[in-house]
């Protein structure tokens, strides 16, 4: 019997061009970073409320949310509390905000200092066609309830 000697060909190293793969991964990374939202605020808009536009990119934090729609219905944390009166204060809003603040303060007593919610902040959402007098009255009622910082939440255009 004869033995066959066969030569094993050495395999050549194959160069793989991954430039296009890296391009796709870079585009994907940029897309994901642009669409990332670091805000912890979740907002359910009320019916008949069209938000104003904004180009600002600063995020807000959790706080009571006051919404006023086209029909001047006022909502606090998605619960309707009444209709904005034609003039003057809205004591129902002031009292509801005081209760919300007391609840936040009670929750803060149970939390560590660095995890407490700001008790001075209130988030405001108005219909884009809302008269400024209504905005001013809601801010006044919020101030009477002890809130001194206001964040206006608007629709982002980015």
Protein backbone atom coordinates (compact mmCIF):
# COMPACT_ATOMS: atom_id res chain seq x y z
CA UNK A 1 0.00 0.00 0.00
CA UNK A 2 1.10 3.33 -0.96
CA UNK A 3 0.72 6.27 1.30
CA UNK A 4 -0.48 9.39 -0.30
CA UNK A 5 1.16 12.49 0.78
CA UNK A 6 -0.99 15.45 0.30
CA UNK A 7 0.03 18.90 0.91
CA UNK A 8 -2.23 20.94 3.03
CA UNK A 9 -2.55 24.35 1.61
CA UNK A 10 -2.14 27.04 4.15
CA UNK A 11 -5.15 29.17 4.41
CA UNK A 12 -4.62 32.80 3.66
CA UNK A 13 -5.85 35.39 6.08
CA UNK A 14 -8.88 37.16 4.72
CA UNK A 15 -9.10 40.90 5.17
CA UNK A 16 -12.60 42.00 6.07
CA UNK A 17 -13.49 45.59 5.38
CA UNK A 18 -15.72 46.68 8.27
CA UNK A 19 -15.85 50.35 7.35
CA UNK A 20 -19.43 50.17 6.14
CA UNK A 21 -20.46 48.27 9.28
CA UNK A 22 -18.92 50.96 11.46
CA UNK A 23 -20.72 53.63 9.44
CA UNK A 24 -24.06 51.95 10.08
CA UNK A 25 -23.32 51.53 13.79
CA UNK A 26 -22.36 55.20 14.06
CA UNK A 27 -25.59 56.31 12.41
CA UNK A 28 -27.57 54.03 14.70
CA UNK A 29 -25.79 55.39 17.77
CA UNK A 30 -26.47 59.00 16.75
CA UNK A 31 -30.13 58.20 16.13
CA UNK A 32 -30.52 56.56 19.54
CA UNK A 33 -28.79 59.43 21.33
CA UNK A 34 -30.96 62.02 19.57
CA UNK A 35 -34.17 60.21 20.47
CA UNK A 36 -33.23 59.57 24.13
CA UNK A 37 -35.30 61.50 26.68
CA UNK A 38 -33.87 61.78 30.18
CA UNK A 39 -36.93 63.41 31.72
CA UNK A 40 -38.84 61.40 34.29
CA UNK A 41 -42.02 63.36 33.61
CA UNK A 42 -44.89 61.45 32.03
CA UNK A 43 -47.72 63.63 30.77
CA UNK A 44 -51.18 62.64 29.60
CA UNK A 45 -52.71 65.58 27.76
CA UNK A 46 -56.35 66.36 28.28
CA UNK A 47 -58.81 66.42 25.41
CA UNK A 48 -59.06 69.81 23.71
CA UNK A 49 -55.55 70.90 24.70
CA UNK A 50 -53.07 71.87 22.00
CA UNK A 51 -49.60 72.65 23.32
CA UNK A 52 -47.44 75.56 22.24
CA UNK A 53 -44.18 74.83 20.37
CA UNK A 54 -40.67 75.22 21.76
CA UNK A 55 -37.07 74.68 20.73
CA UNK A 56 -35.73 74.50 24.30
CA UNK A 57 -34.16 71.22 25.30
CA UNK A 58 -34.03 71.45 29.08
CA UNK A 59 -35.92 68.74 30.93
CA UNK A 60 -38.31 69.18 33.80
CA UNK A 61 -38.75 67.09 36.92
CA UNK A 62 -41.71 65.59 38.67
CA UNK A 63 -44.08 68.17 40.14
CA UNK A 64 -47.85 68.71 40.17
CA UNK A 65 -49.16 69.34 36.64
CA UNK A 66 -51.84 71.97 36.08
CA UNK A 67 -53.47 71.83 32.63
CA UNK A 68 -55.99 74.29 31.16
CA UNK A 69 -57.67 73.41 27.85
CA UNK A 70 -59.56 75.51 25.28
CA UNK A 71 -62.82 75.27 27.22
CA UNK A 72 -61.03 76.69 30.33
CA UNK A 73 -61.37 73.37 32.15
CA UNK A 74 -58.67 73.03 34.79
CA UNK A 75 -56.99 69.69 35.56
CA UNK A 76 -54.56 68.89 38.35
CA UNK A 77 -52.57 65.69 37.77
CA UNK A 78 -55.11 64.59 35.14
CA UNK A 79 -58.13 65.06 37.42
CA UNK A 80 -60.63 67.73 36.47
CA UNK A 81 -61.10 70.17 39.33
CA UNK A 82 -63.34 72.73 37.68
CA UNK A 83 -63.68 75.47 35.12
CA UNK A 84 -61.65 78.67 35.24
CA UNK A 85 -63.94 81.52 36.38
CA UNK A 86 -64.39 84.54 34.13
CA UNK A 87 -62.37 86.67 36.54
CA UNK A 88 -60.73 86.46 39.93
CA UNK A 89 -59.13 83.62 41.80
CA UNK A 90 -59.99 79.94 41.66
CA UNK A 91 -60.00 78.76 45.30
CA UNK A 92 -60.61 75.14 44.24
CA UNK A 93 -57.27 75.13 42.39
CA UNK A 94 -55.44 76.76 45.30
CA UNK A 95 -56.79 74.20 47.78
CA UNK A 96 -56.04 71.26 45.46
CA UNK A 97 -52.47 72.51 45.00
CA UNK A 98 -52.06 72.89 48.78
CA UNK A 99 -53.16 69.26 49.23
CA UNK A 100 -50.74 68.13 46.51
CA UNK A 101 -47.91 70.05 48.20
CA UNK A 102 -48.75 68.49 51.57
CA UNK A 103 -48.65 65.04 49.95
CA UNK A 104 -45.25 65.75 48.38
CA UNK A 105 -43.90 67.02 51.72
CA UNK A 106 -45.15 63.86 53.45
CA UNK A 107 -43.42 61.72 50.80
CA UNK A 108 -40.24 63.77 51.16
CA UNK A 109 -40.16 63.05 54.91
CA UNK A 110 -39.71 59.36 54.04
CA UNK A 111 -36.97 59.92 51.44
CA UNK A 112 -33.27 60.64 51.66
CA UNK A 113 -32.34 64.30 51.26
CA UNK A 114 -30.88 63.83 47.76
CA UNK A 115 -34.02 62.01 46.48
CA UNK A 116 -36.62 64.51 47.63
CA UNK A 117 -39.03 66.20 45.22
CA UNK A 118 -38.93 69.98 44.87
CA UNK A 119 -41.97 71.34 46.75
CA UNK A 120 -41.68 74.79 45.16
CA UNK A 121 -42.15 73.64 41.53
CA UNK A 122 -45.39 73.33 39.57
CA UNK A 123 -45.62 72.31 35.89
CA UNK A 124 -48.10 74.33 33.81
CA UNK A 125 -49.65 73.28 30.49
CA UNK A 126 -51.90 75.65 28.57
CA UNK A 127 -53.62 75.53 25.22
CA UNK A 128 -51.49 77.45 22.72
CA UNK A 129 -54.32 79.95 22.10
CA UNK A 130 -54.94 80.58 25.80
CA UNK A 131 -55.35 84.21 26.88
CA UNK A 132 -52.46 85.46 29.01
CA UNK A 133 -54.87 86.64 31.72
CA UNK A 134 -55.77 82.98 32.40
CA UNK A 135 -52.08 82.03 32.56
CA UNK A 136 -51.46 84.86 35.02
CA UNK A 137 -54.41 83.82 37.22
CA UNK A 138 -53.27 80.19 37.34
CA UNK A 139 -49.76 81.33 38.29
CA UNK A 140 -51.26 83.57 41.00
CA UNK A 141 -53.37 80.72 42.41
CA UNK A 142 -50.29 78.47 42.37
CA UNK A 143 -48.30 81.10 44.25
CA UNK A 144 -51.08 81.36 46.85
CA UNK A 145 -50.71 77.59 47.36
CA UNK A 146 -46.99 78.02 48.08
CA UNK A 147 -45.42 77.32 44.69
CA UNK A 148 -42.78 79.82 43.62
CA UNK A 149 -41.23 78.03 40.62
CA UNK A 150 -43.15 77.52 37.38
CA UNK A 151 -42.26 75.30 34.43
CA UNK A 152 -44.25 75.78 31.27
CA UNK A 153 -44.49 72.52 29.37
CA UNK A 154 -44.68 72.91 25.60
CA UNK A 155 -44.33 70.63 22.59
CA UNK A 156 -40.77 70.23 21.33
CA UNK A 157 -39.95 70.69 17.63
CA UNK A 158 -36.78 68.63 17.43
